[in-house]
N, C-alpha and C. Protein backbone atom coordinates (compact mmCIF):
# COMPACT_ATOMS: atom_id res chain seq x y z
N MET A 1 71.58 108.28 54.15
CA MET A 1 71.35 108.40 55.58
C MET A 1 69.97 107.81 55.89
N ASP A 2 69.92 106.95 56.89
CA ASP A 2 68.68 106.30 57.29
C ASP A 2 68.10 107.02 58.50
N CYS A 3 67.04 107.79 58.25
CA CYS A 3 66.42 108.55 59.35
C CYS A 3 65.35 107.75 60.08
N ASN A 4 65.14 106.51 59.67
CA ASN A 4 64.17 105.65 60.36
C ASN A 4 64.82 104.34 60.77
N ALA A 5 66.04 104.41 61.26
CA ALA A 5 66.78 103.21 61.63
C ALA A 5 66.06 102.46 62.74
N GLN A 6 66.11 101.15 62.65
CA GLN A 6 65.51 100.29 63.66
C GLN A 6 66.61 99.68 64.52
N ALA A 7 66.34 99.57 65.81
CA ALA A 7 67.29 98.96 66.72
C ALA A 7 67.53 97.50 66.33
N GLN A 8 68.77 97.09 66.46
CA GLN A 8 69.15 95.71 66.17
C GLN A 8 69.65 95.06 67.46
N GLN A 9 69.97 93.79 67.38
CA GLN A 9 70.45 93.05 68.54
C GLN A 9 71.65 93.75 69.19
N GLN A 10 72.54 94.31 68.38
CA GLN A 10 73.73 94.98 68.90
C GLN A 10 73.36 96.21 69.73
N HIS A 11 72.29 96.89 69.35
CA HIS A 11 71.85 98.06 70.12
C HIS A 11 71.34 97.63 71.50
N GLU A 12 70.70 96.47 71.56
CA GLU A 12 70.18 95.97 72.83
C GLU A 12 71.31 95.76 73.84
N TRP A 13 72.50 95.37 73.37
CA TRP A 13 73.63 95.16 74.27
C TRP A 13 73.94 96.44 75.04
N LEU A 14 73.80 97.59 74.39
CA LEU A 14 74.10 98.86 75.02
C LEU A 14 73.22 99.14 76.24
N THR A 15 72.00 98.59 76.26
CA THR A 15 71.09 98.86 77.38
C THR A 15 71.61 98.27 78.70
N LYS A 16 72.54 97.31 78.63
CA LYS A 16 73.14 96.76 79.85
C LYS A 16 73.92 97.82 80.62
N LEU A 17 74.32 98.89 79.94
CA LEU A 17 75.11 99.94 80.56
C LEU A 17 74.25 101.05 81.17
N VAL A 18 72.97 101.09 80.81
CA VAL A 18 72.08 102.17 81.27
C VAL A 18 71.88 102.06 82.78
N GLY A 19 72.00 103.20 83.47
CA GLY A 19 71.77 103.24 84.92
C GLY A 19 72.70 104.20 85.62
N GLU A 20 72.70 104.11 86.94
CA GLU A 20 73.56 104.93 87.80
C GLU A 20 74.69 104.05 88.32
N TRP A 21 75.92 104.57 88.25
CA TRP A 21 77.09 103.79 88.60
C TRP A 21 78.04 104.61 89.48
N ALA A 22 78.80 103.90 90.31
CA ALA A 22 79.93 104.48 91.04
C ALA A 22 81.17 103.76 90.53
N PHE A 23 82.28 104.48 90.43
CA PHE A 23 83.49 103.82 89.95
C PHE A 23 84.70 104.13 90.82
N GLU A 24 85.66 103.21 90.76
CA GLU A 24 86.99 103.38 91.34
C GLU A 24 87.97 103.01 90.25
N SER A 25 88.99 103.84 90.03
CA SER A 25 89.96 103.54 88.98
C SER A 25 91.38 103.67 89.50
N VAL A 26 92.27 102.94 88.83
CA VAL A 26 93.69 103.01 89.12
C VAL A 26 94.42 103.08 87.78
N ALA A 27 95.29 104.08 87.64
CA ALA A 27 96.12 104.20 86.44
C ALA A 27 97.56 103.91 86.83
N ASP A 28 98.24 103.14 85.99
CA ASP A 28 99.62 102.74 86.25
C ASP A 28 100.44 103.01 84.99
N PHE A 29 101.28 104.03 85.04
CA PHE A 29 102.05 104.43 83.87
C PHE A 29 103.49 103.93 83.90
N GLY A 30 103.78 102.97 84.76
CA GLY A 30 105.12 102.38 84.76
C GLY A 30 105.67 102.20 86.15
N PRO A 31 106.73 101.38 86.25
CA PRO A 31 107.29 101.04 87.56
C PRO A 31 107.89 102.23 88.31
N ASP A 32 108.31 103.26 87.59
CA ASP A 32 108.91 104.41 88.27
C ASP A 32 107.92 105.55 88.50
N GLN A 33 106.63 105.27 88.25
CA GLN A 33 105.58 106.28 88.41
C GLN A 33 104.61 105.84 89.52
N PRO A 34 104.06 106.79 90.28
CA PRO A 34 103.07 106.41 91.29
C PRO A 34 101.75 106.01 90.63
N LYS A 35 101.05 105.08 91.26
CA LYS A 35 99.72 104.69 90.77
C LYS A 35 98.76 105.83 91.09
N LEU A 36 97.93 106.18 90.12
CA LEU A 36 96.98 107.29 90.28
C LEU A 36 95.58 106.72 90.48
N LYS A 37 94.96 107.03 91.62
CA LYS A 37 93.63 106.51 91.95
C LYS A 37 92.59 107.61 91.82
N SER A 38 91.38 107.20 91.45
CA SER A 38 90.28 108.15 91.32
C SER A 38 88.97 107.45 91.65
N THR A 39 87.98 108.22 92.06
CA THR A 39 86.63 107.71 92.30
C THR A 39 85.65 108.68 91.67
N GLY A 40 84.44 108.20 91.41
CA GLY A 40 83.43 109.08 90.85
C GLY A 40 82.14 108.36 90.60
N THR A 41 81.28 109.02 89.84
CA THR A 41 79.96 108.49 89.51
C THR A 41 79.72 108.66 88.02
N GLU A 42 78.79 107.86 87.50
CA GLU A 42 78.43 107.96 86.09
C GLU A 42 76.95 107.67 85.94
N THR A 43 76.30 108.47 85.11
CA THR A 43 74.92 108.24 84.71
C THR A 43 74.93 107.86 83.24
N VAL A 44 74.35 106.72 82.92
CA VAL A 44 74.25 106.26 81.54
C VAL A 44 72.78 106.24 81.17
N ARG A 45 72.44 106.96 80.09
CA ARG A 45 71.05 107.02 79.66
C ARG A 45 70.96 106.66 78.19
N ALA A 46 69.79 106.18 77.80
CA ALA A 46 69.55 105.86 76.40
C ALA A 46 69.20 107.14 75.66
N LEU A 47 69.66 107.23 74.42
CA LEU A 47 69.26 108.29 73.51
C LEU A 47 68.48 107.57 72.41
N GLY A 48 67.16 107.46 72.62
CA GLY A 48 66.35 106.62 71.75
C GLY A 48 66.74 105.17 71.96
N GLU A 49 66.61 104.37 70.90
CA GLU A 49 66.96 102.95 70.98
C GLU A 49 68.32 102.65 70.34
N LEU A 50 69.00 103.70 69.83
CA LEU A 50 70.19 103.47 69.03
C LEU A 50 71.49 103.89 69.69
N TRP A 51 71.42 104.74 70.71
CA TRP A 51 72.63 105.30 71.32
C TRP A 51 72.51 105.31 72.83
N ILE A 52 73.66 105.34 73.49
CA ILE A 52 73.70 105.64 74.92
C ILE A 52 74.64 106.83 75.12
N VAL A 53 74.38 107.58 76.18
CA VAL A 53 75.23 108.70 76.57
C VAL A 53 75.64 108.45 78.02
N CYS A 54 76.95 108.42 78.25
CA CYS A 54 77.50 108.19 79.58
C CYS A 54 78.10 109.51 80.07
N GLU A 55 77.61 109.99 81.20
CA GLU A 55 78.12 111.25 81.75
C GLU A 55 78.70 110.97 83.12
N GLY A 56 80.02 111.14 83.23
CA GLY A 56 80.72 110.84 84.46
C GLY A 56 81.31 112.07 85.11
N ARG A 57 81.54 111.93 86.40
CA ARG A 57 82.16 113.00 87.18
C ARG A 57 83.01 112.31 88.24
N GLY A 58 84.23 112.83 88.41
CA GLY A 58 85.10 112.21 89.39
C GLY A 58 86.25 113.10 89.76
N LYS A 59 87.03 112.62 90.69
CA LYS A 59 88.21 113.35 91.15
C LYS A 59 89.34 113.19 90.14
N ILE A 60 90.06 114.27 89.89
CA ILE A 60 91.29 114.17 89.14
C ILE A 60 92.26 113.39 90.03
N PRO A 61 92.92 112.36 89.48
CA PRO A 61 93.82 111.56 90.32
C PRO A 61 94.80 112.44 91.10
N ASP A 62 94.95 112.11 92.38
CA ASP A 62 95.87 112.82 93.28
C ASP A 62 95.57 114.31 93.38
N SER A 63 94.28 114.66 93.37
CA SER A 63 93.87 116.06 93.45
C SER A 63 92.50 116.12 94.11
N ASP A 64 92.14 117.29 94.62
CA ASP A 64 90.79 117.49 95.13
C ASP A 64 89.88 118.08 94.06
N ASP A 65 90.45 118.39 92.90
CA ASP A 65 89.67 118.96 91.80
C ASP A 65 88.88 117.86 91.10
N GLU A 66 87.77 118.28 90.46
CA GLU A 66 86.92 117.33 89.75
C GLU A 66 87.08 117.47 88.25
N MET A 67 86.76 116.38 87.55
CA MET A 67 86.71 116.39 86.09
C MET A 67 85.39 115.77 85.67
N SER A 68 84.98 116.08 84.46
CA SER A 68 83.77 115.51 83.87
C SER A 68 84.16 114.78 82.60
N MET A 69 83.46 113.66 82.34
CA MET A 69 83.71 112.87 81.14
C MET A 69 82.37 112.60 80.46
N ARG A 70 82.40 112.48 79.14
CA ARG A 70 81.20 112.10 78.40
C ARG A 70 81.57 111.15 77.28
N MET A 71 80.83 110.04 77.20
CA MET A 71 81.00 109.06 76.14
C MET A 71 79.67 108.87 75.44
N THR A 72 79.71 108.77 74.13
CA THR A 72 78.54 108.33 73.37
C THR A 72 78.92 107.00 72.74
N LEU A 73 77.94 106.12 72.61
CA LEU A 73 78.20 104.81 72.03
C LEU A 73 76.95 104.31 71.33
N GLY A 74 77.13 103.80 70.14
CA GLY A 74 76.04 103.23 69.36
C GLY A 74 76.58 102.11 68.48
N TYR A 75 75.72 101.61 67.60
CA TYR A 75 76.15 100.57 66.67
C TYR A 75 75.80 101.02 65.26
N ASP A 76 76.78 100.93 64.35
CA ASP A 76 76.60 101.32 62.95
C ASP A 76 76.49 100.05 62.10
N PRO A 77 75.28 99.69 61.65
CA PRO A 77 75.12 98.46 60.86
C PRO A 77 75.92 98.49 59.55
N ALA A 78 76.11 99.66 58.95
CA ALA A 78 76.85 99.74 57.70
C ALA A 78 78.32 99.36 57.92
N LYS A 79 78.89 99.76 59.03
CA LYS A 79 80.28 99.43 59.37
C LYS A 79 80.39 98.09 60.08
N GLN A 80 79.26 97.60 60.59
CA GLN A 80 79.22 96.40 61.44
C GLN A 80 80.17 96.54 62.62
N ARG A 81 80.09 97.73 63.23
CA ARG A 81 80.95 98.07 64.36
C ARG A 81 80.19 98.98 65.33
N TYR A 82 80.59 98.88 66.61
CA TYR A 82 80.17 99.88 67.58
C TYR A 82 80.99 101.13 67.31
N VAL A 83 80.37 102.29 67.44
CA VAL A 83 81.04 103.56 67.19
C VAL A 83 80.70 104.52 68.31
N GLY A 84 81.56 105.50 68.53
CA GLY A 84 81.28 106.49 69.56
C GLY A 84 82.45 107.41 69.76
N ASN A 85 82.41 108.14 70.87
CA ASN A 85 83.51 109.03 71.20
C ASN A 85 83.56 109.26 72.70
N TRP A 86 84.67 109.83 73.15
CA TRP A 86 84.88 110.13 74.56
C TRP A 86 85.62 111.46 74.66
N VAL A 87 85.14 112.32 75.57
CA VAL A 87 85.81 113.58 75.86
C VAL A 87 85.85 113.76 77.37
N CYS A 88 86.82 114.56 77.82
CA CYS A 88 87.02 114.81 79.24
C CYS A 88 87.31 116.30 79.43
N SER A 89 86.83 116.86 80.52
CA SER A 89 86.96 118.29 80.78
C SER A 89 88.40 118.75 81.00
N VAL A 90 89.34 117.83 81.20
CA VAL A 90 90.73 118.23 81.44
C VAL A 90 91.66 117.85 80.28
N MET A 91 91.06 117.48 79.13
CA MET A 91 91.85 117.12 77.95
C MET A 91 91.30 117.84 76.73
N THR A 92 92.17 118.16 75.78
CA THR A 92 91.73 118.85 74.57
C THR A 92 91.48 117.91 73.40
N SER A 93 91.72 116.62 73.57
CA SER A 93 91.53 115.66 72.49
C SER A 93 90.20 114.93 72.63
N MET A 94 89.57 114.65 71.49
CA MET A 94 88.39 113.79 71.44
C MET A 94 88.86 112.43 70.94
N PHE A 95 88.48 111.39 71.64
CA PHE A 95 88.82 110.03 71.25
C PHE A 95 87.62 109.44 70.52
N VAL A 96 87.81 109.02 69.28
CA VAL A 96 86.75 108.47 68.45
C VAL A 96 86.90 106.95 68.45
N TYR A 97 85.79 106.26 68.76
CA TYR A 97 85.82 104.81 68.95
C TYR A 97 85.26 104.04 67.75
N GLU A 98 85.80 102.82 67.60
CA GLU A 98 85.23 101.85 66.69
C GLU A 98 85.65 100.47 67.18
N GLY A 99 84.70 99.53 67.29
CA GLY A 99 85.06 98.20 67.76
C GLY A 99 83.95 97.18 67.58
N GLN A 100 84.28 95.92 67.83
CA GLN A 100 83.34 94.81 67.70
C GLN A 100 83.25 94.05 69.01
N LEU A 101 82.06 93.60 69.34
CA LEU A 101 81.83 92.80 70.53
C LEU A 101 82.49 91.44 70.35
N GLU A 102 83.20 90.98 71.39
CA GLU A 102 83.82 89.65 71.32
C GLU A 102 82.75 88.57 71.36
N ASP A 103 83.12 87.37 70.93
CA ASP A 103 82.17 86.26 70.82
C ASP A 103 81.45 85.94 72.12
N ASN A 104 82.08 86.20 73.26
CA ASN A 104 81.45 85.86 74.54
C ASN A 104 80.30 86.82 74.88
N GLY A 105 80.15 87.90 74.12
CA GLY A 105 79.05 88.84 74.33
C GLY A 105 79.22 89.73 75.55
N LYS A 106 80.38 89.71 76.19
CA LYS A 106 80.60 90.49 77.41
C LYS A 106 81.68 91.53 77.28
N VAL A 107 82.52 91.44 76.26
CA VAL A 107 83.69 92.31 76.14
C VAL A 107 83.63 93.09 74.82
N LEU A 108 83.73 94.42 74.94
CA LEU A 108 83.72 95.30 73.77
C LEU A 108 85.01 96.12 73.72
N PRO A 109 85.99 95.70 72.91
CA PRO A 109 87.20 96.51 72.72
C PRO A 109 86.88 97.65 71.74
N LEU A 110 87.24 98.86 72.12
CA LEU A 110 87.01 100.04 71.29
C LEU A 110 88.36 100.64 70.92
N ASN A 111 88.69 100.60 69.65
CA ASN A 111 89.95 101.15 69.17
C ASN A 111 89.81 102.66 68.99
N THR A 112 90.90 103.37 69.28
CA THR A 112 90.89 104.82 69.16
C THR A 112 92.32 105.31 68.96
N GLU A 113 92.45 106.62 68.83
CA GLU A 113 93.75 107.26 68.68
C GLU A 113 93.78 108.51 69.54
N GLY A 114 94.95 108.82 70.07
CA GLY A 114 95.09 110.02 70.87
C GLY A 114 96.55 110.42 70.97
N PRO A 115 96.81 111.53 71.64
CA PRO A 115 98.20 111.98 71.78
C PRO A 115 99.04 110.93 72.50
N SER A 116 100.24 110.74 72.00
CA SER A 116 101.18 109.79 72.60
C SER A 116 101.60 110.27 73.98
N PHE A 117 101.75 109.35 74.92
CA PHE A 117 102.25 109.71 76.26
C PHE A 117 103.69 110.22 76.19
N THR A 118 104.48 109.63 75.29
CA THR A 118 105.89 109.98 75.22
C THR A 118 106.19 111.14 74.27
N GLU A 119 105.35 111.29 73.24
CA GLU A 119 105.51 112.39 72.28
C GLU A 119 104.15 113.01 72.01
N PRO A 120 103.68 113.92 72.88
CA PRO A 120 102.33 114.47 72.77
C PRO A 120 101.98 115.13 71.44
N SER A 121 102.98 115.50 70.64
CA SER A 121 102.70 116.09 69.33
C SER A 121 102.36 115.02 68.29
N LYS A 122 102.52 113.74 68.64
CA LYS A 122 102.22 112.63 67.73
C LYS A 122 101.02 111.85 68.25
N MET A 123 100.30 111.23 67.32
CA MET A 123 99.15 110.40 67.68
C MET A 123 99.62 108.97 67.89
N ALA A 124 98.90 108.26 68.77
CA ALA A 124 99.22 106.87 69.09
C ALA A 124 97.93 106.07 69.20
N PRO A 125 97.98 104.76 68.94
CA PRO A 125 96.79 103.92 69.09
C PRO A 125 96.53 103.60 70.56
N TYR A 126 95.26 103.53 70.90
CA TYR A 126 94.82 103.12 72.23
C TYR A 126 93.61 102.21 72.08
N GLN A 127 93.24 101.57 73.16
CA GLN A 127 92.04 100.75 73.17
C GLN A 127 91.39 100.84 74.54
N ASP A 128 90.11 101.18 74.55
CA ASP A 128 89.31 101.11 75.78
C ASP A 128 88.44 99.87 75.66
N VAL A 129 88.41 99.07 76.71
CA VAL A 129 87.70 97.80 76.69
C VAL A 129 86.64 97.82 77.77
N ILE A 130 85.37 97.70 77.36
CA ILE A 130 84.25 97.61 78.30
C ILE A 130 83.93 96.13 78.49
N GLU A 131 83.86 95.70 79.74
CA GLU A 131 83.53 94.31 80.04
C GLU A 131 82.36 94.27 81.01
N ILE A 132 81.32 93.54 80.64
CA ILE A 132 80.18 93.32 81.52
C ILE A 132 80.51 92.11 82.39
N VAL A 133 80.66 92.33 83.69
CA VAL A 133 80.95 91.23 84.62
C VAL A 133 79.64 90.56 85.03
N ASP A 134 78.66 91.35 85.44
CA ASP A 134 77.32 90.88 85.74
C ASP A 134 76.38 92.09 85.64
N ASP A 135 75.11 91.92 86.00
CA ASP A 135 74.13 93.00 85.83
C ASP A 135 74.49 94.26 86.61
N ASN A 136 75.30 94.13 87.65
CA ASN A 136 75.61 95.27 88.52
C ASN A 136 77.08 95.66 88.56
N THR A 137 77.90 95.03 87.71
CA THR A 137 79.34 95.29 87.72
C THR A 137 79.86 95.30 86.29
N ARG A 138 80.69 96.29 86.00
CA ARG A 138 81.38 96.31 84.72
C ARG A 138 82.78 96.89 84.92
N LEU A 139 83.64 96.60 83.97
CA LEU A 139 85.02 97.08 84.01
C LEU A 139 85.29 97.94 82.78
N LEU A 140 86.18 98.88 82.92
CA LEU A 140 86.71 99.64 81.79
C LEU A 140 88.22 99.58 81.91
N ARG A 141 88.87 99.07 80.87
CA ARG A 141 90.33 99.00 80.84
C ARG A 141 90.82 99.85 79.68
N SER A 142 91.86 100.62 79.92
CA SER A 142 92.52 101.38 78.85
C SER A 142 93.89 100.78 78.64
N ARG A 143 94.24 100.62 77.37
CA ARG A 143 95.54 100.03 77.07
C ARG A 143 96.15 100.63 75.80
N MET A 144 97.45 100.42 75.69
CA MET A 144 98.21 100.91 74.54
C MET A 144 99.20 99.82 74.14
N PRO A 145 99.72 99.89 72.91
CA PRO A 145 100.71 98.88 72.52
C PRO A 145 102.01 99.06 73.28
N GLY A 146 102.57 97.94 73.73
CA GLY A 146 103.87 97.95 74.39
C GLY A 146 104.98 97.86 73.34
N PRO A 147 106.22 97.80 73.78
CA PRO A 147 107.36 97.73 72.86
C PRO A 147 107.28 96.54 71.89
N ASP A 148 106.65 95.43 72.34
CA ASP A 148 106.54 94.25 71.49
C ASP A 148 105.27 94.26 70.63
N GLY A 149 104.48 95.36 70.72
CA GLY A 149 103.25 95.47 69.93
C GLY A 149 102.02 94.89 70.60
N GLN A 150 102.19 94.19 71.74
CA GLN A 150 101.07 93.62 72.47
C GLN A 150 100.43 94.71 73.34
N TRP A 151 99.11 94.60 73.56
CA TRP A 151 98.41 95.58 74.39
C TRP A 151 98.90 95.52 75.83
N VAL A 152 99.14 96.70 76.41
CA VAL A 152 99.56 96.83 77.81
C VAL A 152 98.53 97.71 78.51
N GLU A 153 97.93 97.18 79.57
CA GLU A 153 96.92 97.93 80.33
C GLU A 153 97.58 99.00 81.19
N PHE A 154 97.05 100.22 81.13
CA PHE A 154 97.57 101.29 81.99
C PHE A 154 96.51 101.89 82.90
N MET A 155 95.23 101.53 82.69
CA MET A 155 94.18 102.03 83.57
C MET A 155 93.08 100.98 83.65
N LYS A 156 92.53 100.82 84.87
CA LYS A 156 91.42 99.89 85.07
C LYS A 156 90.43 100.57 86.02
N ALA A 157 89.16 100.56 85.62
CA ALA A 157 88.11 101.11 86.46
C ALA A 157 87.05 100.05 86.68
N ARG A 158 86.55 99.98 87.91
CA ARG A 158 85.47 99.06 88.26
C ARG A 158 84.23 99.89 88.56
N TYR A 159 83.16 99.60 87.85
CA TYR A 159 81.88 100.30 87.99
C TYR A 159 80.89 99.40 88.71
N THR A 160 80.23 99.95 89.72
CA THR A 160 79.21 99.21 90.47
C THR A 160 77.91 99.98 90.39
N ARG A 161 76.85 99.26 90.03
CA ARG A 161 75.52 99.89 89.91
C ARG A 161 75.07 100.38 91.29
N THR A 162 74.54 101.60 91.35
CA THR A 162 74.07 102.14 92.63
C THR A 162 72.55 102.13 92.71
């Protein structure tokens, strides 16, 4: 264990997410399901030079009730991957992330596993993708494998710096 880790170039990428954000999201679970919309806010802060902590709050889709979300994200030089996790106040599962920044330097796909939508007692692969559009805009897309094995997007959120 390295208790004196030094920030690397990959850690610097995380600082692009630091700040105050407002978001709008739409989830689409299929043609026979209604689209679920939500809005909220997120505060992203640095935890030293190696990690960020994202704390969000928003409306539960199609409800007046609120939910809270928390994501941690860092870079593990030994794995040569970004690592982290995500939890939400209305779910009992923790999603553990691992992923690599794409060559364009703007898109970070994070692979994870969670309960299957169709068989909640079984685990299924998912991917959350963070995309930096510009200094004041970013996207978060959630996707899962479709019947043909290709990723299918089921949720998209647009974050705007406030």
